[in-house]
Amino acid sequence: AGQWEQALALLQSLGGRERGVEADVISYNAVLSSVLARDDGGSLFNKLLAEMRQKGVQMDEITYNLAISTQAGDAEAAKRFLEELRGSGLEATVRTFNPLISACAESREWQEALGFLAEMDGSQIRPDTMTCNRLISVCDSWELALCLAAEEMKARHIAAD
């Protein structure tokens, strides 16, 4: 069995209130993270997320970031998770925005990606090298990518990798 299968079996073996041991957000995040690496189109991930919600386990920033990561090519769905994160009183971080920008890259929405960069700046969230790499990948021309990369990296004192 793969690691994700072992993690899922362990989560299922926890039982519940009747056995005195319940899965919590940390347990679910560990399993969701291993399932995410499985790349099955997100069906098992979404099933576990629904189970988590049904059991009343509160999602945390890590859960939302993982959920956003499953939305490659669907920037609208990724944005819904961002709004849900904020609605729950949690703060977005660079680890939240990077997969959002990736979702924009997959759907070729460079203006939306730049909007997330501006939002990061307004929230004083410092982009990292991954942010810059993802922004470059969303650009529809090499000229735009080069200008964006140069400006952002210079403004933020970020070294290219």
C-alpha atoms as a PDB file:
ATOM      1  CA  ALA A   1       0.000   0.000   0.000  1.00  0.00           C
ATOM      2  CA  GLY A   2       1.124   3.542  -0.725  1.00  0.00           C
ATOM      3  CA  GLN A   3       1.661   6.129   1.979  1.00  0.00           C
ATOM      4  CA  TRP A   4      -1.656   7.819   1.237  1.00  0.00           C
ATOM      5  CA  GLU A   5      -3.430   4.476   1.656  1.00  0.00           C
ATOM      6  CA  GLN A   6      -1.741   3.891   5.003  1.00  0.00           C
ATOM      7  CA  ALA A   7      -2.622   7.409   6.149  1.00  0.00           C
ATOM      8  CA  LEU A   8      -6.253   6.917   5.089  1.00  0.00           C
ATOM      9  CA  ALA A   9      -6.458   3.550   6.888  1.00  0.00           C
ATOM     10  CA  LEU A  10      -5.056   5.114  10.049  1.00  0.00           C
ATOM     11  CA  LEU A  11      -7.588   7.954   9.878  1.00  0.00           C
ATOM     12  CA  GLN A  12     -10.428   5.477   9.451  1.00  0.00           C
ATOM     13  CA  SER A  13      -9.174   3.361  12.347  1.00  0.00           C
ATOM     14  CA  LEU A  14      -9.455   6.259  14.797  1.00  0.00           C
ATOM     15  CA  GLY A  15     -13.082   5.379  15.226  1.00  0.00           C
ATOM     16  CA  GLY A  16     -14.862   8.293  16.799  1.00  0.00           C
ATOM     17  CA  ARG A  17     -16.467   9.367  20.020  1.00  0.00           C
ATOM     18  CA  GLU A  18     -17.621   5.859  20.846  1.00  0.00           C
ATOM     19  CA  ARG A  19     -14.000   4.665  20.855  1.00  0.00           C
ATOM     20  CA  GLY A  20     -12.722   7.764  22.627  1.00  0.00           C
ATOM     21  CA  VAL A  21     -10.479   8.849  19.772  1.00  0.00           C
ATOM     22  CA  GLU A  22     -11.615  11.290  17.114  1.00  0.00           C
ATOM     23  CA  ALA A  23      -9.830  12.550  14.059  1.00  0.00           C
ATOM     24  CA  ASP A  24      -9.003  16.233  14.357  1.00  0.00           C
ATOM     25  CA  VAL A  25      -7.884  18.862  11.871  1.00  0.00           C
ATOM     26  CA  ILE A  26      -4.246  17.755  12.211  1.00  0.00           C
ATOM     27  CA  SER A  27      -5.165  14.150  11.398  1.00  0.00           C
ATOM     28  CA  TYR A  28      -7.212  15.212   8.397  1.00  0.00           C
ATOM     29  CA  ASN A  29      -4.531  17.604   7.140  1.00  0.00           C
ATOM     30  CA  ALA A  30      -1.928  14.825   7.229  1.00  0.00           C
ATOM     31  CA  VAL A  31      -4.168  12.523   5.222  1.00  0.00           C
ATOM     32  CA  LEU A  32      -5.305  15.281   2.844  1.00  0.00           C
ATOM     33  CA  SER A  33      -1.687  16.177   2.182  1.00  0.00           C
ATOM     34  CA  SER A  34      -0.741  12.602   1.325  1.00  0.00           C
ATOM     35  CA  VAL A  35      -3.863  12.160  -0.820  1.00  0.00           C
ATOM     36  CA  LEU A  36      -3.096  15.394  -2.665  1.00  0.00           C
ATOM     37  CA  ALA A  37       0.161  13.846  -3.881  1.00  0.00           C
ATOM     38  CA  ARG A  38      -1.890  10.990  -5.365  1.00  0.00           C
ATOM     39  CA  ASP A  39      -3.283  13.141  -8.219  1.00  0.00           C
ATOM     40  CA  ASP A  40      -6.597  11.414  -8.916  1.00  0.00           C
ATOM     41  CA  GLY A  41      -8.395  14.517 -10.048  1.00  0.00           C
ATOM     42  CA  GLY A  42      -9.236  15.401  -6.468  1.00  0.00           C
ATOM     43  CA  SER A  43     -12.133  12.985  -5.954  1.00  0.00           C
ATOM     44  CA  LEU A  44     -10.729  11.319  -2.823  1.00  0.00           C
ATOM     45  CA  PHE A  45      -9.497  14.680  -1.538  1.00  0.00           C
ATOM     46  CA  ASN A  46     -12.977  16.171  -1.991  1.00  0.00           C
ATOM     47  CA  LYS A  47     -14.597  13.152  -0.327  1.00  0.00           C
ATOM     48  CA  LEU A  48     -12.345  13.538   2.719  1.00  0.00           C
ATOM     49  CA  LEU A  49     -12.971  17.276   2.840  1.00  0.00           C
ATOM     50  CA  ALA A  50     -16.730  16.643   2.800  1.00  0.00           C
ATOM     51  CA  GLU A  51     -16.337  14.014   5.536  1.00  0.00           C
ATOM     52  CA  MET A  52     -14.328  16.458   7.614  1.00  0.00           C
ATOM     53  CA  ARG A  53     -17.042  19.085   7.299  1.00  0.00           C
ATOM     54  CA  GLN A  54     -19.804  16.557   8.015  1.00  0.00           C
ATOM     55  CA  LYS A  55     -18.064  15.542  11.240  1.00  0.00           C
ATOM     56  CA  GLY A  56     -17.762  19.183  12.281  1.00  0.00           C
ATOM     57  CA  VAL A  57     -13.959  19.306  12.129  1.00  0.00           C
ATOM     58  CA  GLN A  58     -13.032  22.965  11.624  1.00  0.00           C
ATOM     59  CA  MET A  59     -10.723  23.638   8.700  1.00  0.00           C
ATOM     60  CA  ASP A  60      -7.563  25.603   9.430  1.00  0.00           C
ATOM     61  CA  GLU A  61      -5.201  27.562   7.195  1.00  0.00           C
ATOM     62  CA  ILE A  62      -3.385  24.385   6.163  1.00  0.00           C
ATOM     63  CA  THR A  63      -6.635  22.710   5.130  1.00  0.00           C
ATOM     64  CA  TYR A  64      -7.656  25.711   3.051  1.00  0.00           C
ATOM     65  CA  ASN A  65      -4.227  25.940   1.433  1.00  0.00           C
ATOM     66  CA  LEU A  66      -4.404  22.255   0.505  1.00  0.00           C
ATOM     67  CA  ALA A  67      -7.919  22.746  -0.868  1.00  0.00           C
ATOM     68  CA  ILE A  68      -6.793  25.722  -2.948  1.00  0.00           C
ATOM     69  CA  SER A  69      -3.931  23.596  -4.289  1.00  0.00           C
ATOM     70  CA  THR A  70      -6.440  21.121  -5.737  1.00  0.00           C
ATOM     71  CA  GLN A  71      -8.012  23.830  -7.895  1.00  0.00           C
ATOM     72  CA  ALA A  72      -5.447  23.930 -10.718  1.00  0.00           C
ATOM     73  CA  GLY A  73      -7.075  25.551 -13.708  1.00  0.00           C
ATOM     74  CA  ASP A  74     -10.127  26.707 -11.758  1.00  0.00           C
ATOM     75  CA  ALA A  75      -9.314  30.113 -10.344  1.00  0.00           C
ATOM     76  CA  GLU A  76     -12.959  30.706  -9.392  1.00  0.00           C
ATOM     77  CA  ALA A  77     -13.073  27.613  -7.174  1.00  0.00           C
ATOM     78  CA  ALA A  78      -9.734  28.589  -5.640  1.00  0.00           C
ATOM     79  CA  LYS A  79     -11.114  32.058  -4.868  1.00  0.00           C
ATOM     80  CA  ARG A  80     -14.146  30.512  -3.169  1.00  0.00           C
ATOM     81  CA  PHE A  81     -11.821  28.687  -0.787  1.00  0.00           C
ATOM     82  CA  LEU A  82      -9.969  31.968  -0.141  1.00  0.00           C
ATOM     83  CA  GLU A  83     -13.247  33.678   0.752  1.00  0.00           C
ATOM     84  CA  GLU A  84     -14.212  30.773   2.981  1.00  0.00           C
ATOM     85  CA  LEU A  85     -10.836  30.986   4.733  1.00  0.00           C
ATOM     86  CA  ARG A  86     -11.365  34.670   5.384  1.00  0.00           C
ATOM     87  CA  GLY A  87     -14.963  34.122   6.448  1.00  0.00           C
ATOM     88  CA  SER A  88     -13.746  31.716   9.110  1.00  0.00           C
ATOM     89  CA  GLY A  89     -11.521  34.432  10.574  1.00  0.00           C
ATOM     90  CA  LEU A  90      -8.242  33.017   9.290  1.00  0.00           C
ATOM     91  CA  GLU A  91      -5.556  35.058   7.557  1.00  0.00           C
ATOM     92  CA  ALA A  92      -4.206  34.309   4.111  1.00  0.00           C
ATOM     93  CA  THR A  93      -0.429  33.867   3.850  1.00  0.00           C
ATOM     94  CA  VAL A  94       2.048  33.492   1.031  1.00  0.00           C
ATOM     95  CA  ARG A  95       1.246  29.752   1.182  1.00  0.00           C
ATOM     96  CA  THR A  96      -2.362  30.655   0.427  1.00  0.00           C
ATOM     97  CA  PHE A  97      -1.609  33.012  -2.439  1.00  0.00           C
ATOM     98  CA  ASN A  98       0.939  30.834  -4.237  1.00  0.00           C
ATOM     99  CA  PRO A  99      -1.584  28.124  -5.188  1.00  0.00           C
ATOM    100  CA  LEU A 100      -4.122  30.836  -6.046  1.00  0.00           C
ATOM    101  CA  ILE A 101      -1.641  32.309  -8.492  1.00  0.00           C
ATOM    102  CA  SER A 102      -0.953  28.799  -9.815  1.00  0.00           C
ATOM    103  CA  ALA A 103      -4.680  28.319 -10.435  1.00  0.00           C
ATOM    104  CA  CYS A 104      -4.609  31.553 -12.431  1.00  0.00           C
ATOM    105  CA  ALA A 105      -1.576  30.305 -14.355  1.00  0.00           C
ATOM    106  CA  GLU A 106      -3.387  27.101 -15.310  1.00  0.00           C
ATOM    107  CA  SER A 107      -6.384  29.061 -16.570  1.00  0.00           C
ATOM    108  CA  ARG A 108      -4.177  31.767 -18.176  1.00  0.00           C
ATOM    109  CA  GLU A 109      -5.675  34.577 -16.069  1.00  0.00           C
ATOM    110  CA  TRP A 110      -2.623  36.787 -15.668  1.00  0.00           C
ATOM    111  CA  GLN A 111      -4.608  39.860 -14.660  1.00  0.00           C
ATOM    112  CA  GLU A 112      -6.230  37.914 -11.832  1.00  0.00           C
ATOM    113  CA  ALA A 113      -2.787  36.699 -10.742  1.00  0.00           C
ATOM    114  CA  LEU A 114      -1.541  40.288 -10.641  1.00  0.00           C
ATOM    115  CA  GLY A 115      -4.600  41.171  -8.591  1.00  0.00           C
ATOM    116  CA  PHE A 116      -3.553  38.557  -6.027  1.00  0.00           C
ATOM    117  CA  LEU A 117      -0.062  40.046  -6.005  1.00  0.00           C
ATOM    118  CA  ALA A 118      -1.539  43.491  -5.297  1.00  0.00           C
ATOM    119  CA  GLU A 119      -3.682  41.948  -2.562  1.00  0.00           C
ATOM    120  CA  MET A 120      -0.579  40.385  -1.026  1.00  0.00           C
ATOM    121  CA  ASP A 121       1.136  43.748  -1.111  1.00  0.00           C
ATOM    122  CA  GLY A 122      -1.868  45.442   0.484  1.00  0.00           C
ATOM    123  CA  SER A 123      -1.896  42.830   3.250  1.00  0.00           C
ATOM    124  CA  GLN A 124       1.864  43.138   3.690  1.00  0.00           C
ATOM    125  CA  ILE A 125       2.423  39.525   2.713  1.00  0.00           C
ATOM    126  CA  ARG A 126       5.864  39.209   1.233  1.00  0.00           C
ATOM    127  CA  PRO A 127       5.992  37.217  -2.006  1.00  0.00           C
ATOM    128  CA  ASP A 128       8.699  34.583  -2.166  1.00  0.00           C
ATOM    129  CA  THR A 129      10.639  33.065  -5.040  1.00  0.00           C
ATOM    130  CA  MET A 130       7.810  30.610  -5.677  1.00  0.00           C
ATOM    131  CA  THR A 131       5.374  33.511  -6.026  1.00  0.00           C
ATOM    132  CA  CYS A 132       7.593  35.137  -8.637  1.00  0.00           C
ATOM    133  CA  ASN A 133       8.041  31.866 -10.528  1.00  0.00           C
ATOM    134  CA  ARG A 134       4.283  31.312 -10.589  1.00  0.00           C
ATOM    135  CA  LEU A 135       3.650  34.872 -11.747  1.00  0.00           C
ATOM    136  CA  ILE A 136       6.107  34.415 -14.584  1.00  0.00           C
ATOM    137  CA  SER A 137       4.363  31.210 -15.646  1.00  0.00           C
ATOM    138  CA  VAL A 138       0.986  32.971 -15.877  1.00  0.00           C
ATOM    139  CA  CYS A 139       2.163  35.585 -18.366  1.00  0.00           C
ATOM    140  CA  ASP A 140       1.065  35.095 -21.961  1.00  0.00           C
ATOM    141  CA  SER A 141       4.251  36.484 -23.501  1.00  0.00           C
ATOM    142  CA  TRP A 142       7.894  36.347 -22.610  1.00  0.00           C
ATOM    143  CA  GLU A 143       8.090  40.145 -22.720  1.00  0.00           C
ATOM    144  CA  LEU A 144       5.379  40.506 -20.073  1.00  0.00           C
ATOM    145  CA  ALA A 145       6.976  37.792 -17.962  1.00  0.00           C
ATOM    146  CA  LEU A 146      10.390  39.414 -18.153  1.00  0.00           C
ATOM    147  CA  CYS A 147       9.090  42.874 -17.252  1.00  0.00           C
ATOM    148  CA  LEU A 148       6.981  41.531 -14.408  1.00  0.00           C
ATOM    149  CA  ALA A 149       9.792  39.421 -13.032  1.00  0.00           C
ATOM    150  CA  ALA A 150      12.310  42.215 -13.162  1.00  0.00           C
ATOM    151  CA  GLU A 151       9.976  44.743 -11.510  1.00  0.00           C
ATOM    152  CA  GLU A 152       8.719  42.468  -8.762  1.00  0.00           C
ATOM    153  CA  MET A 153      12.053  40.952  -7.926  1.00  0.00           C
ATOM    154  CA  LYS A 154      13.716  44.361  -7.804  1.00  0.00           C
ATOM    155  CA  ALA A 155      10.933  45.906  -5.698  1.00  0.00           C
ATOM    156  CA  ARG A 156      10.951  43.048  -3.242  1.00  0.00           C
ATOM    157  CA  HIS A 157      14.662  42.242  -3.163  1.00  0.00           C
ATOM    158  CA  ILE A 158      14.059  38.655  -4.250  1.00  0.00           C
ATOM    159  CA  ALA A 159      16.784  36.597  -5.855  1.00  0.00           C
ATOM    160  CA  ALA A 160      15.930  34.288  -8.764  1.00  0.00           C
ATOM    161  CA  ASP A 161      16.478  30.599  -8.283  1.00  0.00           C
END
